[in-house]
N, C-alpha and C. Protein backbone atom coordinates (compact mmCIF):
# COMPACT_ATOMS: atom_id res chain seq x y z
N THR A 1 15.25 -23.74 -61.62
CA THR A 1 15.48 -22.48 -62.31
C THR A 1 15.88 -21.41 -61.30
N PRO A 2 16.74 -20.47 -61.72
CA PRO A 2 17.20 -19.43 -60.81
C PRO A 2 16.07 -18.52 -60.34
N ASN A 3 15.11 -18.29 -61.19
CA ASN A 3 13.98 -17.43 -60.82
C ASN A 3 13.16 -18.06 -59.70
N ASN A 4 12.93 -19.37 -59.78
CA ASN A 4 12.19 -20.10 -58.74
C ASN A 4 12.96 -20.10 -57.42
N ALA A 5 14.26 -20.29 -57.49
CA ALA A 5 15.10 -20.29 -56.30
C ALA A 5 15.07 -18.93 -55.62
N THR A 6 15.10 -17.87 -56.42
CA THR A 6 15.03 -16.51 -55.87
C THR A 6 13.68 -16.27 -55.22
N ASN A 7 12.62 -16.72 -55.91
CA ASN A 7 11.26 -16.58 -55.35
C ASN A 7 11.13 -17.35 -54.04
N ASN A 8 11.69 -18.55 -54.00
CA ASN A 8 11.62 -19.35 -52.77
C ASN A 8 12.37 -18.67 -51.63
N ARG A 9 13.55 -18.11 -51.95
CA ARG A 9 14.31 -17.40 -50.92
C ARG A 9 13.55 -16.17 -50.43
N LEU A 10 12.94 -15.46 -51.38
CA LEU A 10 12.15 -14.28 -51.01
C LEU A 10 10.97 -14.67 -50.12
N LYS A 11 10.29 -15.76 -50.50
CA LYS A 11 9.15 -16.23 -49.69
C LYS A 11 9.63 -16.66 -48.31
N GLN A 12 10.76 -17.35 -48.28
CA GLN A 12 11.31 -17.81 -46.99
C GLN A 12 11.71 -16.61 -46.13
N THR A 13 12.35 -15.64 -46.75
CA THR A 13 12.75 -14.43 -46.02
C THR A 13 11.53 -13.66 -45.54
N GLN A 14 10.51 -13.56 -46.41
CA GLN A 14 9.27 -12.86 -46.03
C GLN A 14 8.59 -13.58 -44.87
N ALA A 15 8.60 -14.91 -44.90
CA ALA A 15 8.01 -15.69 -43.81
C ALA A 15 8.76 -15.43 -42.51
N GLN A 16 10.09 -15.37 -42.59
CA GLN A 16 10.88 -15.08 -41.39
C GLN A 16 10.60 -13.68 -40.88
N VAL A 17 10.51 -12.72 -41.80
CA VAL A 17 10.19 -11.34 -41.41
C VAL A 17 8.82 -11.29 -40.75
N ASP A 18 7.84 -11.98 -41.35
CA ASP A 18 6.48 -12.01 -40.78
C ASP A 18 6.50 -12.62 -39.38
N GLU A 19 7.29 -13.68 -39.21
CA GLU A 19 7.39 -14.32 -37.90
C GLU A 19 8.01 -13.37 -36.87
N VAL A 20 9.07 -12.68 -37.27
CA VAL A 20 9.73 -11.73 -36.37
C VAL A 20 8.78 -10.58 -36.03
N VAL A 21 8.05 -10.09 -37.03
CA VAL A 21 7.08 -9.01 -36.79
C VAL A 21 6.00 -9.48 -35.81
N GLY A 22 5.54 -10.71 -35.98
CA GLY A 22 4.54 -11.26 -35.06
C GLY A 22 5.08 -11.35 -33.64
N ILE A 23 6.31 -11.83 -33.52
CA ILE A 23 6.93 -11.93 -32.19
C ILE A 23 7.09 -10.54 -31.58
N MET A 24 7.50 -9.58 -32.39
CA MET A 24 7.67 -8.21 -31.88
C MET A 24 6.34 -7.62 -31.44
N ARG A 25 5.27 -7.91 -32.18
CA ARG A 25 3.94 -7.41 -31.78
C ARG A 25 3.55 -7.98 -30.41
N VAL A 26 3.79 -9.28 -30.26
CA VAL A 26 3.48 -9.92 -28.98
C VAL A 26 4.31 -9.29 -27.87
N ASN A 27 5.59 -9.04 -28.14
CA ASN A 27 6.46 -8.43 -27.14
C ASN A 27 6.00 -7.03 -26.77
N VAL A 28 5.61 -6.25 -27.78
CA VAL A 28 5.12 -4.89 -27.52
C VAL A 28 3.85 -4.95 -26.68
N GLU A 29 2.94 -5.88 -27.01
CA GLU A 29 1.71 -6.03 -26.21
C GLU A 29 2.04 -6.39 -24.77
N LYS A 30 3.01 -7.28 -24.60
CA LYS A 30 3.41 -7.67 -23.24
C LYS A 30 4.01 -6.49 -22.48
N VAL A 31 4.83 -5.69 -23.17
CA VAL A 31 5.43 -4.52 -22.52
C VAL A 31 4.35 -3.53 -22.11
N LEU A 32 3.38 -3.29 -23.01
CA LEU A 32 2.29 -2.37 -22.68
C LEU A 32 1.46 -2.90 -21.51
N GLU A 33 1.20 -4.19 -21.53
CA GLU A 33 0.44 -4.82 -20.44
C GLU A 33 1.21 -4.70 -19.12
N ARG A 34 2.50 -4.95 -19.19
CA ARG A 34 3.35 -4.85 -17.99
C ARG A 34 3.36 -3.42 -17.47
N ASP A 35 3.46 -2.45 -18.38
CA ASP A 35 3.45 -1.04 -17.99
C ASP A 35 2.14 -0.69 -17.29
N GLN A 36 1.03 -1.20 -17.82
CA GLN A 36 -0.27 -0.93 -17.19
C GLN A 36 -0.33 -1.55 -15.80
N LYS A 37 0.16 -2.78 -15.69
CA LYS A 37 0.15 -3.45 -14.38
C LYS A 37 1.04 -2.71 -13.38
N LEU A 38 2.20 -2.24 -13.85
CA LEU A 38 3.09 -1.49 -12.97
C LEU A 38 2.44 -0.18 -12.53
N SER A 39 1.73 0.45 -13.45
CA SER A 39 1.04 1.70 -13.12
C SER A 39 -0.03 1.45 -12.06
N GLU A 40 -0.80 0.37 -12.25
CA GLU A 40 -1.83 0.01 -11.27
C GLU A 40 -1.20 -0.30 -9.92
N LEU A 41 -0.09 -1.03 -9.94
CA LEU A 41 0.60 -1.38 -8.70
C LEU A 41 1.12 -0.13 -8.00
N ASP A 42 1.63 0.81 -8.78
CA ASP A 42 2.11 2.07 -8.21
C ASP A 42 0.96 2.84 -7.56
N GLN A 43 -0.19 2.87 -8.22
CA GLN A 43 -1.36 3.55 -7.65
C GLN A 43 -1.80 2.87 -6.35
N ARG A 44 -1.80 1.53 -6.36
CA ARG A 44 -2.18 0.80 -5.15
C ARG A 44 -1.19 1.05 -4.02
N ALA A 45 0.09 1.12 -4.36
CA ALA A 45 1.11 1.40 -3.34
C ALA A 45 0.92 2.79 -2.76
N ASP A 46 0.61 3.77 -3.62
CA ASP A 46 0.35 5.13 -3.13
C ASP A 46 -0.86 5.15 -2.20
N ALA A 47 -1.93 4.45 -2.61
CA ALA A 47 -3.13 4.40 -1.77
C ALA A 47 -2.83 3.73 -0.44
N LEU A 48 -2.04 2.67 -0.47
CA LEU A 48 -1.68 1.96 0.76
C LEU A 48 -0.84 2.85 1.67
N GLN A 49 0.07 3.59 1.09
CA GLN A 49 0.90 4.50 1.88
C GLN A 49 0.05 5.59 2.50
N HIS A 50 -0.90 6.11 1.73
CA HIS A 50 -1.80 7.15 2.26
C HIS A 50 -2.64 6.57 3.40
N GLY A 51 -3.15 5.36 3.21
CA GLY A 51 -3.93 4.70 4.26
C GLY A 51 -3.10 4.47 5.51
N ALA A 52 -1.85 4.08 5.34
CA ALA A 52 -0.97 3.85 6.49
C ALA A 52 -0.71 5.15 7.23
N SER A 53 -0.55 6.23 6.48
CA SER A 53 -0.32 7.53 7.11
C SER A 53 -1.55 7.96 7.91
N GLN A 54 -2.73 7.77 7.34
CA GLN A 54 -3.96 8.11 8.06
C GLN A 54 -4.10 7.24 9.31
N PHE A 55 -3.79 5.95 9.18
CA PHE A 55 -3.88 5.05 10.32
C PHE A 55 -2.94 5.51 11.43
N GLU A 56 -1.73 5.90 11.06
CA GLU A 56 -0.76 6.37 12.05
C GLU A 56 -1.27 7.62 12.77
N GLN A 57 -1.86 8.55 12.02
CA GLN A 57 -2.40 9.77 12.63
C GLN A 57 -3.54 9.43 13.59
N GLN A 58 -4.45 8.56 13.15
CA GLN A 58 -5.58 8.19 14.00
C GLN A 58 -5.10 7.46 15.25
N ALA A 59 -4.10 6.60 15.09
CA ALA A 59 -3.56 5.87 16.24
C ALA A 59 -2.94 6.84 17.24
N SER A 60 -2.24 7.86 16.75
CA SER A 60 -1.64 8.85 17.65
C SER A 60 -2.72 9.63 18.40
N LYS A 61 -3.77 10.02 17.69
CA LYS A 61 -4.87 10.74 18.34
C LYS A 61 -5.53 9.87 19.40
N LEU A 62 -5.76 8.60 19.07
CA LEU A 62 -6.39 7.70 20.02
C LEU A 62 -5.48 7.48 21.23
N LYS A 63 -4.19 7.35 21.01
CA LYS A 63 -3.25 7.17 22.11
C LYS A 63 -3.29 8.37 23.05
N ARG A 64 -3.28 9.58 22.47
CA ARG A 64 -3.36 10.79 23.28
C ARG A 64 -4.67 10.85 24.06
N LYS A 65 -5.76 10.50 23.39
CA LYS A 65 -7.07 10.53 24.04
C LYS A 65 -7.10 9.54 25.21
N GLN A 66 -6.57 8.34 24.99
CA GLN A 66 -6.53 7.34 26.06
C GLN A 66 -5.64 7.79 27.22
N TRP A 67 -4.54 8.45 26.89
CA TRP A 67 -3.64 8.93 27.94
C TRP A 67 -4.37 9.93 28.82
N TRP A 68 -5.11 10.87 28.19
CA TRP A 68 -5.85 11.85 28.97
C TRP A 68 -6.97 11.20 29.77
N ALA A 69 -7.63 10.20 29.20
CA ALA A 69 -8.68 9.49 29.95
C ALA A 69 -8.07 8.80 31.16
N ASN A 70 -6.92 8.17 30.99
CA ASN A 70 -6.24 7.53 32.12
C ASN A 70 -5.81 8.55 33.17
N MET A 71 -5.31 9.70 32.72
CA MET A 71 -4.92 10.76 33.65
C MET A 71 -6.12 11.23 34.48
N LYS A 72 -7.24 11.46 33.80
CA LYS A 72 -8.44 11.90 34.53
C LYS A 72 -8.85 10.86 35.56
N MET A 73 -8.79 9.58 35.17
CA MET A 73 -9.16 8.52 36.10
C MET A 73 -8.20 8.49 37.29
N MET A 74 -6.91 8.65 37.05
CA MET A 74 -5.94 8.66 38.14
C MET A 74 -6.17 9.86 39.07
N ILE A 75 -6.48 11.01 38.49
CA ILE A 75 -6.74 12.20 39.31
C ILE A 75 -7.99 11.98 40.16
N ILE A 76 -9.04 11.43 39.53
CA ILE A 76 -10.28 11.17 40.28
C ILE A 76 -10.01 10.17 41.41
N MET A 77 -9.27 9.10 41.10
CA MET A 77 -8.95 8.10 42.14
C MET A 77 -8.11 8.74 43.25
N GLY A 78 -7.18 9.61 42.88
CA GLY A 78 -6.36 10.30 43.88
C GLY A 78 -7.21 11.18 44.77
N VAL A 79 -8.14 11.94 44.17
CA VAL A 79 -9.02 12.82 44.96
C VAL A 79 -9.89 11.99 45.88
N ILE A 80 -10.45 10.89 45.36
CA ILE A 80 -11.29 10.03 46.21
C ILE A 80 -10.45 9.46 47.35
N GLY A 81 -9.23 9.03 47.06
CA GLY A 81 -8.35 8.51 48.10
C GLY A 81 -8.05 9.55 49.16
N VAL A 82 -7.77 10.78 48.75
CA VAL A 82 -7.48 11.84 49.71
C VAL A 82 -8.71 12.13 50.56
N VAL A 83 -9.89 12.20 49.92
CA VAL A 83 -11.13 12.47 50.66
C VAL A 83 -11.38 11.35 51.67
N LEU A 84 -11.22 10.09 51.25
CA LEU A 84 -11.42 8.98 52.18
C LEU A 84 -10.41 9.04 53.33
N LEU A 85 -9.18 9.38 53.01
CA LEU A 85 -8.16 9.50 54.04
C LEU A 85 -8.52 10.59 55.04
N ILE A 86 -9.00 11.73 54.55
CA ILE A 86 -9.41 12.82 55.44
C ILE A 86 -10.57 12.39 56.31
N ILE A 87 -11.55 11.68 55.71
CA ILE A 87 -12.70 11.21 56.50
C ILE A 87 -12.24 10.25 57.58
N ILE A 88 -11.38 9.32 57.25
CA ILE A 88 -10.90 8.34 58.23
C ILE A 88 -10.11 9.03 59.34
N ILE A 89 -9.25 9.96 58.98
CA ILE A 89 -8.44 10.66 59.98
C ILE A 89 -9.34 11.47 60.90
N ARG A 90 -10.33 12.16 60.38
CA ARG A 90 -11.23 12.98 61.22
C ARG A 90 -12.08 12.11 62.14
N LYS A 91 -12.47 10.92 61.64
CA LYS A 91 -13.35 10.07 62.43
C LYS A 91 -12.60 9.51 63.65
N TYR A 92 -11.35 9.15 63.52
CA TYR A 92 -10.63 8.52 64.61
C TYR A 92 -9.74 9.47 65.39
N TYR A 93 -9.57 10.70 64.95
CA TYR A 93 -8.71 11.61 65.71
C TYR A 93 -9.39 12.86 66.06
């Protein structure tokens, strides 16, 4: 009967629409999940960049501090060397 055929087509079309709607829901959920993951990744990248910047600043400070410590040691060694040289020169001349 034509009425049954129309009903079957309507049911088939409704089933296809329901399937497409289900697929679209899954896709939207995946997009939202992906967006959340990207947001988290962006936050982690920002934190990592901030940490790298702090590390670079601390490394520069430490390098400067070590340079001054080495300079002081060289000056002290130079003064001791000069004093020893003066003592040796006075003792033998």
